[in-house]
Amino acid sequence: MGSLQEGQAQIPVIDISAANKNAPAELLDAACRFGFVFVANNDAGISPDLISKVFDISKEFFALPNEAKQEVSIASNKAGKNHGWLSQGVEKLDPKVQKRPDVKEAFNMPLPSSDGTFEQPLPSPITNNLPTVTTFQSACSNLCNLILTHFATALSIAPDWFTRRHDTTRGPSGTIFRLLYYPQTSTKTSIDIRAGAHSDYGSITCLFQLPGQPGLEIKTPEGNWAPVPVDPLGQGGPLPILVNIGDLLEDWTGGLLKSTKHRVVFPKEDGGGDRYSIAYFCHPLDEALLEPVPSEVVEEFVRRNGGKERKVITAKDHLMERLAATYSVK
């Protein structure tokens, strides 16, 4: 794994390429124990150059005047969906604990429709670079499908059991591509936080980070907060991609795979400067039924741990329930 500083989260780095025949078992073990895993960039098949270009687009967008960003705000989205710009003060990811909203901005995009269009206004930095953005979205989708296929293999079910239920050629899904900006601020107080403690809503999340921008922490089984290393291999160069399990996949597998709480804090030293990240939240098709995964591995886990009865709902209903508790805008 490389050298980690004392107290940092112990998250494994896994080769998910075809060269590693143990990848399915290693991914499942990491998902069950930690809920997080690092995937080396060369194994993920997403070029560092492409990632860098998307970060440049993100910086260009967040540097726009608020008036320009307001034109593509989540409130301006006539479809009423979770798409668009969220200004500071809109999102509070830990509403039961936080006294104030997260200190961040975000821009949410779905995948393009079958005709290549988007059901929301897009800002000029994105429209001017749309091929780059859609290529990145497609690369993230391919990475998620590979990981989901490995999970299916490890659970001894049909290799396409998860991917068929995430196949967006068959219908819409709640999958979101999200640009995130956490500004440095000199007015922060002890109660301010960049992103409140939360777990993600969907199946899996791919997180892209920049070197030298710490702040992400995960909650350990002991109940402590541990910093996530930005470069766990300590080699510099392209950073590995951080992948984590979402609530939906935890529910879907009867609690076998773990959706771990995490947050983004201000570094203790001078606020840490601006922080940028990119998240790809992978969700099943809206109409996918969250019925029990037909795996003996899952069934045995539920038997041992006393799984509870739950109503079978669609992936869309699951997402809407989570979003309703998060946003102060509709």
Protein backbone atom coordinates (compact mmCIF):
# COMPACT_ATOMS: atom_id res chain seq x y z
CA MET A 1 0.00 0.00 0.00
CA GLY A 2 2.89 2.39 0.45
CA SER A 3 3.68 4.39 3.55
CA LEU A 4 0.75 5.86 5.46
CA GLN A 5 0.94 8.43 8.19
CA GLU A 6 -0.13 7.33 11.64
CA GLY A 7 -3.87 7.52 12.11
CA GLN A 8 -4.73 7.52 8.42
CA ALA A 9 -7.49 5.24 7.15
CA GLN A 10 -6.24 1.82 6.10
CA ILE A 11 -7.86 1.52 2.66
CA PRO A 12 -6.47 -1.17 0.32
CA VAL A 13 -5.26 -0.47 -3.21
CA ILE A 14 -6.50 -3.16 -5.60
CA ASP A 15 -5.56 -4.04 -9.16
CA ILE A 16 -8.93 -4.63 -10.86
CA SER A 17 -7.48 -5.50 -14.27
CA ALA A 18 -7.79 -8.89 -15.96
CA ALA A 19 -4.23 -9.64 -14.86
CA ASN A 20 -5.40 -9.98 -11.25
CA LYS A 21 -7.52 -13.13 -11.08
CA ASN A 22 -8.23 -12.43 -7.40
CA ALA A 23 -9.74 -9.00 -8.10
CA PRO A 24 -13.39 -10.07 -7.45
CA ALA A 25 -12.57 -11.62 -4.07
CA GLU A 26 -10.30 -8.72 -3.06
CA LEU A 27 -12.92 -6.13 -4.00
CA LEU A 28 -15.63 -7.96 -2.09
CA ASP A 29 -13.41 -8.25 0.98
CA ALA A 30 -12.61 -4.52 0.90
CA ALA A 31 -16.29 -3.63 0.38
CA CYS A 32 -17.34 -5.80 3.32
CA ARG A 33 -14.60 -4.60 5.71
CA PHE A 34 -14.02 -0.96 4.79
CA GLY A 35 -16.68 0.13 2.28
CA PHE A 36 -13.84 1.95 0.49
CA VAL A 37 -11.11 0.85 -1.92
CA PHE A 38 -8.47 2.56 -4.05
CA VAL A 39 -8.22 1.56 -7.70
CA ALA A 40 -4.92 2.36 -9.40
CA ASN A 41 -5.54 4.73 -12.30
CA ASN A 42 -3.82 2.54 -14.89
CA ASP A 43 -6.08 -0.37 -13.87
CA ALA A 44 -9.20 1.82 -14.11
CA GLY A 45 -8.54 2.80 -17.70
CA ILE A 46 -9.24 6.53 -17.23
CA SER A 47 -6.33 8.59 -18.53
CA PRO A 48 -4.71 11.14 -16.22
CA ASP A 49 -4.91 13.63 -19.08
CA LEU A 50 -8.69 13.25 -19.29
CA ILE A 51 -9.05 13.66 -15.53
CA SER A 52 -6.89 16.79 -15.61
CA LYS A 53 -9.01 18.31 -18.40
CA VAL A 54 -12.21 17.76 -16.41
CA PHE A 55 -10.66 19.43 -13.35
CA ASP A 56 -9.76 22.41 -15.57
CA ILE A 57 -13.39 22.61 -16.73
CA SER A 58 -14.55 22.46 -13.12
CA LYS A 59 -12.25 25.31 -12.05
CA GLU A 60 -13.41 27.42 -14.99
CA PHE A 61 -17.07 26.88 -14.06
CA PHE A 62 -16.71 27.69 -10.35
CA ALA A 63 -14.74 30.84 -11.20
CA LEU A 64 -17.77 32.25 -13.04
CA PRO A 65 -19.75 35.06 -11.34
CA ASN A 66 -22.63 33.82 -9.21
CA GLU A 67 -25.06 35.48 -11.63
CA ALA A 68 -23.85 33.22 -14.43
CA LYS A 69 -23.97 30.11 -12.22
CA GLN A 70 -27.47 31.04 -11.06
CA GLU A 71 -28.67 30.64 -14.66
CA VAL A 72 -27.92 26.92 -14.38
CA SER A 73 -28.90 26.46 -10.73
CA ILE A 74 -30.75 23.43 -9.45
CA ALA A 75 -33.75 25.70 -8.87
CA SER A 76 -33.75 26.67 -12.59
CA ASN A 77 -34.11 23.05 -13.65
CA LYS A 78 -37.70 22.82 -14.89
CA ALA A 79 -37.63 19.02 -14.78
CA GLY A 80 -37.46 19.29 -10.98
CA LYS A 81 -34.56 16.86 -10.73
CA ASN A 82 -31.27 16.79 -8.85
CA HIS A 83 -29.44 18.59 -11.67
CA GLY A 84 -27.71 21.96 -11.74
CA TRP A 85 -25.62 24.30 -9.61
CA LEU A 86 -25.92 24.30 -5.84
CA SER A 87 -24.63 27.43 -4.18
CA GLN A 88 -23.22 27.56 -0.68
CA GLY A 89 -25.98 27.31 1.90
CA VAL A 90 -28.14 24.89 -0.07
CA GLU A 91 -26.84 21.48 0.97
CA LYS A 92 -26.58 20.14 4.50
CA LEU A 93 -25.45 16.50 4.39
CA ASP A 94 -25.77 15.91 8.13
CA PRO A 95 -28.95 17.87 8.93
CA LYS A 96 -29.52 16.33 12.37
CA VAL A 97 -26.10 17.48 13.60
CA GLN A 98 -24.99 20.45 11.50
CA LYS A 99 -25.87 23.91 12.72
CA ARG A 100 -24.94 25.42 9.37
CA PRO A 101 -24.91 24.14 5.77
CA ASP A 102 -21.84 22.70 4.06
CA VAL A 103 -19.15 25.15 2.96
CA LYS A 104 -19.10 24.11 -0.69
CA GLU A 105 -20.57 24.54 -4.14
CA ALA A 106 -21.50 21.76 -6.55
CA PHE A 107 -22.74 21.18 -10.06
CA ASN A 108 -24.76 18.04 -10.82
CA MET A 109 -25.18 16.51 -14.29
CA PRO A 110 -27.00 13.35 -15.31
CA LEU A 111 -25.89 11.13 -18.16
CA PRO A 112 -26.92 12.37 -21.61
CA SER A 113 -30.22 11.21 -23.09
CA SER A 114 -30.21 8.66 -25.91
CA ASP A 115 -30.04 11.53 -28.44
CA GLY A 116 -27.01 13.05 -26.70
CA THR A 117 -28.87 15.99 -25.14
CA PHE A 118 -29.29 16.99 -21.50
CA GLU A 119 -32.55 17.88 -19.75
CA GLN A 120 -31.02 20.89 -18.01
CA PRO A 121 -29.26 24.15 -18.87
CA LEU A 122 -25.48 23.71 -19.07
CA PRO A 123 -22.86 26.41 -18.40
CA SER A 124 -20.48 27.51 -21.14
CA PRO A 125 -17.36 25.77 -19.68
CA ILE A 126 -19.21 22.47 -20.09
CA THR A 127 -20.95 23.14 -23.42
CA ASN A 128 -17.64 24.29 -24.89
CA ASN A 129 -16.01 21.04 -23.75
CA LEU A 130 -18.93 18.63 -23.99
CA PRO A 131 -17.03 15.82 -25.79
CA THR A 132 -14.49 15.80 -22.95
CA VAL A 133 -17.21 15.67 -20.30
CA THR A 134 -19.23 12.91 -21.99
CA THR A 135 -16.08 10.87 -22.65
CA PHE A 136 -15.27 11.13 -18.95
CA GLN A 137 -18.80 10.09 -17.97
CA SER A 138 -18.57 7.08 -20.27
CA ALA A 139 -15.20 6.09 -18.81
CA CYS A 140 -16.62 6.29 -15.28
CA SER A 141 -19.61 4.17 -16.34
CA ASN A 142 -17.27 1.52 -17.75
CA LEU A 143 -15.27 1.50 -14.52
CA CYS A 144 -18.42 1.07 -12.44
CA ASN A 145 -19.62 -1.76 -14.67
CA LEU A 146 -16.30 -3.54 -14.24
CA ILE A 147 -16.49 -3.22 -10.46
CA LEU A 148 -20.12 -4.39 -10.40
CA THR A 149 -19.18 -7.37 -12.57
CA HIS A 150 -16.42 -8.27 -10.12
CA PHE A 151 -18.92 -8.07 -7.24
CA ALA A 152 -21.33 -10.37 -9.08
CA THR A 153 -18.53 -12.87 -9.71
CA ALA A 154 -17.48 -12.82 -6.06
CA LEU A 155 -21.12 -13.35 -4.99
CA SER A 156 -21.50 -16.31 -7.38
CA ILE A 157 -24.38 -14.83 -9.33
CA ALA A 158 -24.69 -14.10 -13.04
CA PRO A 159 -21.84 -11.77 -14.02
CA ASP A 160 -24.32 -9.27 -15.49
CA TRP A 161 -26.81 -9.38 -12.60
CA PHE A 162 -25.88 -5.87 -11.40
CA THR A 163 -24.85 -4.37 -14.75
CA ARG A 164 -28.18 -5.25 -16.41
CA ARG A 165 -29.89 -3.26 -13.67
CA HIS A 166 -27.54 -0.33 -14.35
CA ASP A 167 -27.79 -0.42 -18.16
CA THR A 168 -28.89 3.09 -19.09
CA THR A 169 -29.73 2.04 -22.65
CA ARG A 170 -32.78 0.42 -21.05
CA GLY A 171 -34.08 3.48 -19.21
CA PRO A 172 -33.25 6.49 -17.02
CA SER A 173 -31.28 6.29 -13.80
CA GLY A 174 -30.29 8.55 -10.94
CA THR A 175 -26.60 8.44 -11.89
CA ILE A 176 -24.98 11.82 -11.29
CA PHE A 177 -21.68 13.33 -12.39
CA ARG A 178 -20.77 15.99 -9.84
CA LEU A 179 -18.20 18.77 -9.78
CA LEU A 180 -17.34 19.96 -6.27
CA TYR A 181 -15.64 23.11 -5.02
CA TYR A 182 -14.73 23.72 -1.38
CA PRO A 183 -13.46 27.32 -1.13
CA GLN A 184 -10.87 28.43 1.34
CA THR A 185 -12.44 30.86 3.78
CA SER A 186 -11.06 33.13 6.48
CA THR A 187 -14.45 33.36 8.20
CA LYS A 188 -14.88 29.72 9.16
CA THR A 189 -15.71 28.86 12.77
CA SER A 190 -15.39 25.69 14.81
CA ILE A 191 -18.85 24.55 13.67
CA ASP A 192 -18.19 24.98 9.94
CA ILE A 193 -17.53 21.89 7.84
CA ARG A 194 -16.94 21.45 4.14
CA ALA A 195 -19.26 18.44 3.81
CA GLY A 196 -21.19 16.98 6.71
CA ALA A 197 -20.99 13.35 7.75
CA HIS A 198 -22.99 11.20 5.35
CA SER A 199 -23.07 8.01 3.40
CA ASP A 200 -23.68 8.03 -0.34
CA TYR A 201 -27.10 7.16 -1.69
CA GLY A 202 -26.48 4.93 -4.70
CA SER A 203 -24.60 1.78 -5.68
CA ILE A 204 -20.98 2.91 -5.87
CA THR A 205 -19.17 6.25 -6.05
CA CYS A 206 -15.93 7.03 -7.89
CA LEU A 207 -14.06 10.00 -6.40
CA PHE A 208 -11.29 11.88 -8.17
CA GLN A 209 -9.00 14.12 -6.10
CA LEU A 210 -6.09 16.47 -6.72
CA PRO A 211 -2.65 16.11 -5.12
CA GLY A 212 -2.07 18.07 -1.95
CA GLN A 213 -5.74 18.61 -1.11
CA PRO A 214 -6.54 16.60 2.03
CA GLY A 215 -9.70 16.82 4.11
CA LEU A 216 -11.68 13.67 3.35
CA GLU A 217 -12.25 11.47 6.42
CA ILE A 218 -14.07 8.18 6.96
CA LYS A 219 -15.64 6.82 10.12
CA THR A 220 -13.87 3.74 11.42
CA PRO A 221 -15.69 0.73 12.96
CA GLU A 222 -14.49 2.07 16.33
CA GLY A 223 -16.40 5.31 15.73
CA ASN A 224 -13.38 7.54 15.12
CA TRP A 225 -12.70 9.79 12.14
CA ALA A 226 -9.62 8.82 10.10
CA PRO A 227 -8.11 10.91 7.28
CA VAL A 228 -8.12 9.30 3.84
CA PRO A 229 -4.66 9.48 2.26
CA VAL A 230 -4.70 11.43 -0.99
CA ASP A 231 -1.76 9.43 -2.40
CA PRO A 232 -1.75 6.06 -0.63
CA LEU A 233 1.11 4.73 -2.75
CA GLY A 234 3.31 7.72 -1.96
CA GLN A 235 4.63 7.75 -5.50
CA GLY A 236 3.30 11.06 -6.82
CA GLY A 237 1.99 11.22 -10.36
CA PRO A 238 -1.56 10.08 -11.24
CA LEU A 239 -3.55 9.43 -8.10
CA PRO A 240 -5.57 6.25 -7.61
CA ILE A 241 -9.34 6.55 -7.82
CA LEU A 242 -11.23 6.17 -4.56
CA VAL A 243 -14.32 3.97 -4.82
CA ASN A 244 -16.90 3.53 -2.08
CA ILE A 245 -20.09 1.59 -1.50
CA GLY A 246 -23.41 3.46 -1.29
CA ASP A 247 -26.48 2.83 0.86
CA LEU A 248 -28.41 1.26 -1.97
CA LEU A 249 -25.83 -1.48 -2.55
CA GLU A 250 -25.58 -2.11 1.19
CA ASP A 251 -29.36 -2.54 1.39
CA TRP A 252 -29.40 -4.62 -1.77
CA THR A 253 -26.88 -7.09 -0.31
CA GLY A 254 -28.57 -7.35 3.08
CA GLY A 255 -25.79 -5.36 4.78
CA LEU A 256 -22.94 -7.51 3.47
CA LEU A 257 -21.30 -4.64 1.60
CA LYS A 258 -20.72 -1.63 3.83
CA SER A 259 -21.75 1.95 3.11
CA THR A 260 -19.32 3.90 5.29
CA LYS A 261 -19.94 7.40 6.59
CA HIS A 262 -17.49 10.06 5.47
CA ARG A 263 -17.07 13.83 5.59
CA VAL A 264 -14.84 16.64 4.32
CA VAL A 265 -13.24 18.89 6.93
CA PHE A 266 -11.05 21.97 6.86
CA PRO A 267 -7.40 20.99 7.30
CA LYS A 268 -6.02 22.33 10.56
CA GLU A 269 -3.29 24.27 8.78
CA ASP A 270 -4.58 27.61 7.39
CA GLY A 271 -7.80 26.17 6.00
CA GLY A 272 -5.97 24.13 3.41
CA GLY A 273 -6.68 26.35 0.42
CA ASP A 274 -9.33 25.66 -2.19
CA ARG A 275 -10.29 22.02 -2.67
CA TYR A 276 -11.74 20.51 -5.84
CA SER A 277 -13.02 17.01 -6.40
CA ILE A 278 -15.09 15.13 -8.95
CA ALA A 279 -17.60 12.44 -7.99
CA TYR A 280 -19.43 9.95 -10.17
CA PHE A 281 -22.43 8.57 -8.30
CA CYS A 282 -23.52 5.33 -9.98
CA HIS A 283 -27.19 4.40 -9.55
CA PRO A 284 -29.34 1.58 -10.95
CA LEU A 285 -32.14 2.20 -13.42
CA ASP A 286 -35.00 4.17 -11.86
CA GLU A 287 -37.38 1.23 -12.18
CA ALA A 288 -34.94 -1.42 -10.92
CA LEU A 289 -36.52 -3.29 -8.02
CA LEU A 290 -34.31 -3.53 -4.96
CA GLU A 291 -35.19 -7.15 -4.34
CA PRO A 292 -32.73 -9.39 -2.45
CA VAL A 293 -29.63 -10.33 -4.41
CA PRO A 294 -29.95 -14.08 -5.20
CA SER A 295 -26.57 -15.00 -3.74
CA GLU A 296 -25.87 -17.75 -1.23
CA VAL A 297 -23.09 -15.55 0.16
CA VAL A 298 -25.64 -12.80 0.86
CA GLU A 299 -28.23 -15.24 2.20
CA GLU A 300 -25.72 -16.77 4.60
CA PHE A 301 -24.68 -13.33 5.84
CA VAL A 302 -28.31 -12.37 6.47
CA ARG A 303 -28.94 -15.65 8.32
CA ARG A 304 -25.92 -15.10 10.57
CA ASN A 305 -26.66 -11.45 11.25
CA GLY A 306 -30.45 -11.46 11.51
CA GLY A 307 -31.40 -9.41 8.48
CA LYS A 308 -34.68 -7.54 8.81
CA GLU A 309 -37.69 -7.62 6.55
CA ARG A 310 -37.90 -4.63 4.24
CA LYS A 311 -40.29 -3.48 1.57
CA VAL A 312 -39.09 -3.91 -2.00
CA ILE A 313 -38.98 -0.46 -3.62
CA THR A 314 -37.56 0.95 -6.83
CA ALA A 315 -34.16 2.59 -7.05
CA LYS A 316 -35.87 5.89 -7.88
CA ASP A 317 -38.01 5.79 -4.73
CA HIS A 318 -34.91 5.04 -2.66
CA LEU A 319 -33.11 8.07 -4.10
CA MET A 320 -36.05 10.44 -3.66
CA GLU A 321 -36.34 9.50 0.02
CA ARG A 322 -32.67 10.37 0.59
CA LEU A 323 -32.71 13.62 -1.37
CA ALA A 324 -35.78 14.92 0.46
CA ALA A 325 -33.81 14.97 3.73
CA THR A 326 -30.81 16.76 2.26
CA TYR A 327 -31.85 19.79 0.23
CA SER A 328 -33.47 22.98 1.37
CA VAL A 329 -34.64 23.59 -2.22
CA LYS A 330 -37.02 21.44 -4.22
